[in-house]
Amino acid sequence: MNAAPADQIRLLDVQALDVRLQQLAHRRRTLPEHAEIESLTKDLSQLRDLLVAAQTEESDCAREQTKAEQDVDQVRRRSARDQQRLDSGAVTSPKDLENLQHEITSLAKRQGDLEDVVLEVMERRESAQERVTELTGRVESVQSKIDDATGRRNAAFEEIDGEVASVTKEREVVAGAVPGDLLKLYDKLREQQGGIGAAKLYQRTCQGCRQELAITELSEIRSAAPDTVIRCENCRRILVRTAESGL
């Protein structure tokens, strides 16, 4: 394949722009905010699970407290009715009076036990409420950090994408001046060779594979016509000659 020396030099400009696009893509993929957001999102998920558990516990305690308080009220009303009967003098039988007094005593003990239950449930509920408050604050704090990291990531995206658009446009202009067959070969090699399809021959060394060329290969290159498209014997990339090639 033949191509004017200026077109071959221009191919190095295309390669430089492609390398810049690769760098920008790598930078976009490896922004530190990605790992930060991922870590914070995991923390947030765990905290939300703990919050739901704490809210469930608080809700269960609330129902348990309501039930215990209703039981206390029921015993209290029954005890009040018995005391009213006792105080009214309506019960005259000694046996009935004894039974009534025994029931009032039993109800008083039952009421005391139930009130202890209410206090115990209230303490558990208060502890659950404190846990809910704590976890809610932590969830809000982590969410705020995620929002901040997301904002920084999006700002970086905008900056990178803007540069990508600019470099892509410049690449289109420069590549448009390269002969089609040469550009097609370059693109094919670039895909096969990890993004590098053309390299400069600098001081007798291929800048694509960093290998110094053999004397016989250098001799062949010296004798080749200026418009001959040279390929590196080692990596098979397009090898572009310049004034710095050391020929």
Protein backbone atom coordinates (compact mmCIF):
# COMPACT_ATOMS: atom_id res chain seq x y z
CA MET A 1 0.00 0.00 0.00
CA ASN A 2 1.19 3.50 -0.83
CA ALA A 3 0.27 6.84 0.73
CA ALA A 4 1.84 10.25 0.66
CA PRO A 5 4.26 10.87 3.53
CA ALA A 6 2.06 13.78 4.70
CA ASP A 7 -0.94 11.44 4.90
CA GLN A 8 1.09 8.95 6.90
CA ILE A 9 2.15 11.72 9.30
CA ARG A 10 -1.47 12.78 9.51
CA LEU A 11 -2.28 9.20 10.56
CA LEU A 12 -0.19 9.80 13.69
CA ASP A 13 -2.43 12.76 14.47
CA VAL A 14 -5.46 10.50 14.17
CA GLN A 15 -3.76 7.98 16.46
CA ALA A 16 -3.04 10.66 19.06
CA LEU A 17 -6.69 11.71 19.04
CA ASP A 18 -7.80 8.09 19.37
CA VAL A 19 -5.47 7.62 22.34
CA ARG A 20 -6.98 10.72 23.92
CA LEU A 21 -10.47 9.28 23.41
CA GLN A 22 -9.35 6.04 25.05
CA GLN A 23 -7.95 7.98 27.99
CA LEU A 24 -11.16 9.90 28.39
CA ALA A 25 -13.23 6.71 28.27
CA HIS A 26 -10.96 5.12 30.89
CA ARG A 27 -11.21 8.21 33.07
CA ARG A 28 -15.00 8.13 32.79
CA ARG A 29 -15.12 4.46 33.81
CA THR A 30 -12.70 4.84 36.71
CA LEU A 31 -13.88 8.04 38.35
CA PRO A 32 -13.37 7.67 42.14
CA GLU A 33 -16.99 8.66 42.61
CA HIS A 34 -18.09 5.30 41.13
CA ALA A 35 -16.55 3.33 44.01
CA GLU A 36 -17.67 5.94 46.51
CA ILE A 37 -21.28 5.76 45.35
CA GLU A 38 -21.21 1.96 45.27
CA SER A 39 -19.86 1.75 48.83
CA LEU A 40 -22.30 4.34 50.14
CA THR A 41 -25.22 2.65 48.38
CA LYS A 42 -24.38 -0.63 50.13
CA ASP A 43 -24.24 1.20 53.46
CA LEU A 44 -27.56 2.87 52.70
CA SER A 45 -29.21 -0.45 51.87
CA GLN A 46 -28.04 -1.96 55.16
CA LEU A 47 -29.16 1.07 57.14
CA ARG A 48 -32.57 1.02 55.50
CA ASP A 49 -32.98 -2.64 56.43
CA LEU A 50 -32.08 -1.81 60.03
CA LEU A 51 -34.48 1.15 59.97
CA VAL A 52 -37.34 -1.01 58.73
CA ALA A 53 -36.61 -3.52 61.49
CA ALA A 54 -36.57 -0.75 64.11
CA GLN A 55 -39.81 0.75 62.76
CA THR A 56 -41.43 -2.69 62.83
CA GLU A 57 -40.31 -3.20 66.41
CA GLU A 58 -41.67 0.21 67.40
CA SER A 59 -44.98 -0.56 65.71
CA ASP A 60 -45.19 -3.94 67.44
CA CYS A 61 -44.46 -2.31 70.79
CA ALA A 62 -47.14 0.31 70.16
CA ARG A 63 -49.76 -2.39 69.59
CA GLU A 64 -48.51 -4.34 72.61
CA GLN A 65 -48.67 -1.20 74.76
CA THR A 66 -52.22 -0.44 73.62
CA LYS A 67 -53.30 -3.98 74.46
CA ALA A 68 -51.61 -3.88 77.89
CA GLU A 69 -53.18 -0.51 78.71
CA GLN A 70 -56.60 -1.83 77.70
CA ASP A 71 -56.07 -4.81 80.02
CA VAL A 72 -55.18 -2.43 82.87
CA ASP A 73 -58.27 -0.32 82.23
CA GLN A 74 -60.46 -3.41 82.19
CA VAL A 75 -59.09 -4.64 85.55
CA ARG A 76 -59.33 -1.12 86.99
CA ARG A 77 -62.99 -0.78 86.01
CA ARG A 78 -63.84 -4.18 87.41
CA SER A 79 -62.03 -3.39 90.65
CA ALA A 80 -63.88 -0.06 90.90
CA ARG A 81 -67.23 -1.82 90.44
CA ASP A 82 -66.37 -4.34 93.16
CA GLN A 83 -65.27 -1.58 95.51
CA GLN A 84 -68.49 0.30 94.83
CA ARG A 85 -70.54 -2.79 95.68
CA LEU A 86 -68.52 -3.25 98.85
CA ASP A 87 -68.93 0.36 99.90
CA SER A 88 -72.66 0.42 99.10
CA GLY A 89 -73.49 -2.19 101.72
CA ALA A 90 -75.54 -4.12 99.22
CA VAL A 91 -73.56 -7.27 100.02
CA THR A 92 -74.46 -8.52 103.49
CA SER A 93 -73.51 -12.18 103.42
CA PRO A 94 -70.19 -12.70 105.26
CA LYS A 95 -69.14 -15.28 102.68
CA ASP A 96 -70.02 -12.95 99.80
CA LEU A 97 -68.18 -10.10 101.51
CA GLU A 98 -65.12 -12.29 101.95
CA ASN A 99 -65.22 -13.35 98.31
CA LEU A 100 -65.65 -9.75 97.17
CA GLN A 101 -62.75 -8.53 99.27
CA HIS A 102 -60.59 -11.40 98.00
CA GLU A 103 -61.45 -10.50 94.38
CA ILE A 104 -60.61 -6.84 95.01
CA THR A 105 -57.24 -7.89 96.42
CA SER A 106 -56.59 -10.20 93.48
CA LEU A 107 -57.58 -7.50 91.01
CA ALA A 108 -55.24 -5.04 92.71
CA LYS A 109 -52.35 -7.50 92.28
CA ARG A 110 -53.38 -8.20 88.69
CA GLN A 111 -53.52 -4.47 87.99
CA GLY A 112 -50.05 -4.00 89.44
CA ASP A 113 -48.66 -6.81 87.30
CA LEU A 114 -50.28 -5.38 84.18
CA GLU A 115 -48.98 -1.89 84.92
CA ASP A 116 -45.49 -3.38 85.21
CA VAL A 117 -46.04 -4.92 81.75
CA VAL A 118 -47.09 -1.52 80.41
CA LEU A 119 -43.95 0.10 81.80
CA GLU A 120 -41.74 -2.62 80.36
CA VAL A 121 -43.37 -2.29 76.93
CA MET A 122 -43.09 1.51 77.09
CA GLU A 123 -39.37 1.21 77.79
CA ARG A 124 -38.91 -1.13 74.82
CA ARG A 125 -40.96 1.19 72.64
CA GLU A 126 -38.94 4.22 73.72
CA SER A 127 -35.73 2.35 72.93
CA ALA A 128 -37.12 1.39 69.51
CA GLN A 129 -38.15 5.01 68.87
CA GLU A 130 -34.65 6.22 69.74
CA ARG A 131 -33.24 3.61 67.36
CA VAL A 132 -35.61 4.78 64.62
CA THR A 133 -34.53 8.38 65.15
CA GLU A 134 -30.86 7.44 65.10
CA LEU A 135 -31.15 5.30 61.99
CA THR A 136 -33.27 7.90 60.21
CA GLY A 137 -30.51 10.43 60.78
CA ARG A 138 -27.87 8.04 59.52
CA VAL A 139 -29.93 7.20 56.42
CA GLU A 140 -30.35 10.89 55.67
CA SER A 141 -26.62 11.49 56.19
CA VAL A 142 -25.57 8.67 53.85
CA GLN A 143 -28.17 9.71 51.27
CA SER A 144 -26.76 13.23 51.41
CA LYS A 145 -23.26 11.85 50.77
CA ILE A 146 -24.59 9.81 47.84
CA ASP A 147 -26.27 12.90 46.40
CA ASP A 148 -23.02 14.86 46.77
CA ALA A 149 -20.93 12.12 45.14
CA THR A 150 -23.50 11.74 42.36
CA GLY A 151 -23.38 15.46 41.72
CA ARG A 152 -19.58 15.38 41.51
CA ARG A 153 -19.71 12.34 39.22
CA ASN A 154 -22.25 13.97 36.92
CA ALA A 155 -20.17 17.15 36.77
CA ALA A 156 -17.15 15.05 35.80
CA PHE A 157 -19.27 13.25 33.20
CA GLU A 158 -20.29 16.57 31.71
CA GLU A 159 -16.69 17.76 31.53
CA ILE A 160 -15.41 14.49 30.04
CA ASP A 161 -18.29 14.15 27.58
CA GLY A 162 -17.69 17.72 26.43
CA GLU A 163 -14.04 16.97 25.73
CA VAL A 164 -14.98 13.69 24.02
CA ALA A 165 -17.32 15.58 21.71
CA SER A 166 -14.58 18.09 20.90
CA VAL A 167 -11.90 15.45 20.28
CA THR A 168 -14.32 13.33 18.24
CA LYS A 169 -15.12 16.29 16.01
CA GLU A 170 -11.42 17.05 15.56
CA ARG A 171 -10.76 13.39 14.78
CA GLU A 172 -13.43 13.42 12.07
CA VAL A 173 -11.77 16.42 10.43
CA VAL A 174 -8.25 14.98 10.58
CA ALA A 175 -9.31 11.45 9.55
CA GLY A 176 -11.29 12.91 6.68
CA ALA A 177 -8.02 14.02 5.10
CA VAL A 178 -6.49 10.52 5.29
CA PRO A 179 -6.93 8.26 2.23
CA GLY A 180 -9.76 5.77 2.77
CA ASP A 181 -7.74 2.61 2.26
CA LEU A 182 -5.02 3.76 4.67
CA LEU A 183 -7.58 4.76 7.30
CA LYS A 184 -9.38 1.43 6.89
CA LEU A 185 -6.15 -0.49 7.48
CA TYR A 186 -5.35 1.71 10.46
CA ASP A 187 -8.77 1.17 12.05
CA LYS A 188 -8.49 -2.59 11.54
CA LEU A 189 -5.05 -2.70 13.16
CA ARG A 190 -6.12 -0.41 15.98
CA GLU A 191 -8.94 -2.80 16.84
CA GLN A 192 -6.58 -5.79 16.76
CA GLN A 193 -3.67 -4.14 18.59
CA GLY A 194 -5.28 -2.72 21.71
CA GLY A 195 -6.09 0.70 20.32
CA ILE A 196 -2.77 1.42 18.61
CA GLY A 197 -2.85 1.01 14.83
CA ALA A 198 -0.05 3.35 13.79
CA ALA A 199 3.21 4.21 15.52
CA LYS A 200 6.15 6.49 14.92
CA LEU A 201 9.56 5.07 14.08
CA TYR A 202 11.73 6.95 16.55
CA GLN A 203 15.46 6.46 16.85
CA ARG A 204 15.17 3.10 15.08
CA THR A 205 12.55 1.93 17.59
CA CYS A 206 8.87 1.19 16.93
CA GLN A 207 6.91 3.30 19.36
CA GLY A 208 4.05 0.79 19.15
CA CYS A 209 5.83 -2.26 20.57
CA ARG A 210 8.93 -0.44 21.85
CA GLN A 211 11.19 -2.85 19.98
CA GLU A 212 14.34 -1.65 18.22
CA LEU A 213 14.33 -2.72 14.60
CA ALA A 214 16.92 -5.13 13.26
CA ILE A 215 19.62 -3.83 10.94
CA THR A 216 18.19 -5.69 7.96
CA GLU A 217 14.72 -4.27 8.59
CA LEU A 218 16.11 -0.75 8.90
CA SER A 219 17.97 -1.26 5.64
CA GLU A 220 14.75 -2.26 3.88
CA ILE A 221 12.98 0.78 5.28
CA ARG A 222 15.78 3.12 4.12
CA SER A 223 15.50 1.75 0.60
CA ALA A 224 11.68 1.93 0.51
CA ALA A 225 10.02 4.72 -1.39
CA PRO A 226 8.77 7.63 0.76
CA ASP A 227 5.15 6.81 -0.07
CA THR A 228 5.43 3.12 0.83
CA VAL A 229 3.37 2.23 3.89
CA ILE A 230 5.73 0.37 6.22
CA ARG A 231 4.62 -2.24 8.76
CA CYS A 232 6.56 -3.18 11.90
CA GLU A 233 7.85 -6.74 11.58
CA ASN A 234 7.27 -7.34 15.28
CA CYS A 235 3.79 -5.91 16.01
CA ARG A 236 2.54 -5.41 12.44
CA ARG A 237 1.40 -1.87 13.15
CA ILE A 238 1.78 0.85 10.53
CA LEU A 239 5.22 2.33 11.08
CA VAL A 240 5.43 6.02 10.18
CA ARG A 241 8.78 7.51 9.25
CA THR A 242 9.72 10.99 10.44
CA ALA A 243 12.87 13.11 10.64
CA GLU A 244 13.49 11.52 14.04
CA SER A 245 13.45 7.94 12.80
CA GLY A 246 17.24 7.62 12.87
CA LEU A 247 17.46 6.32 9.35
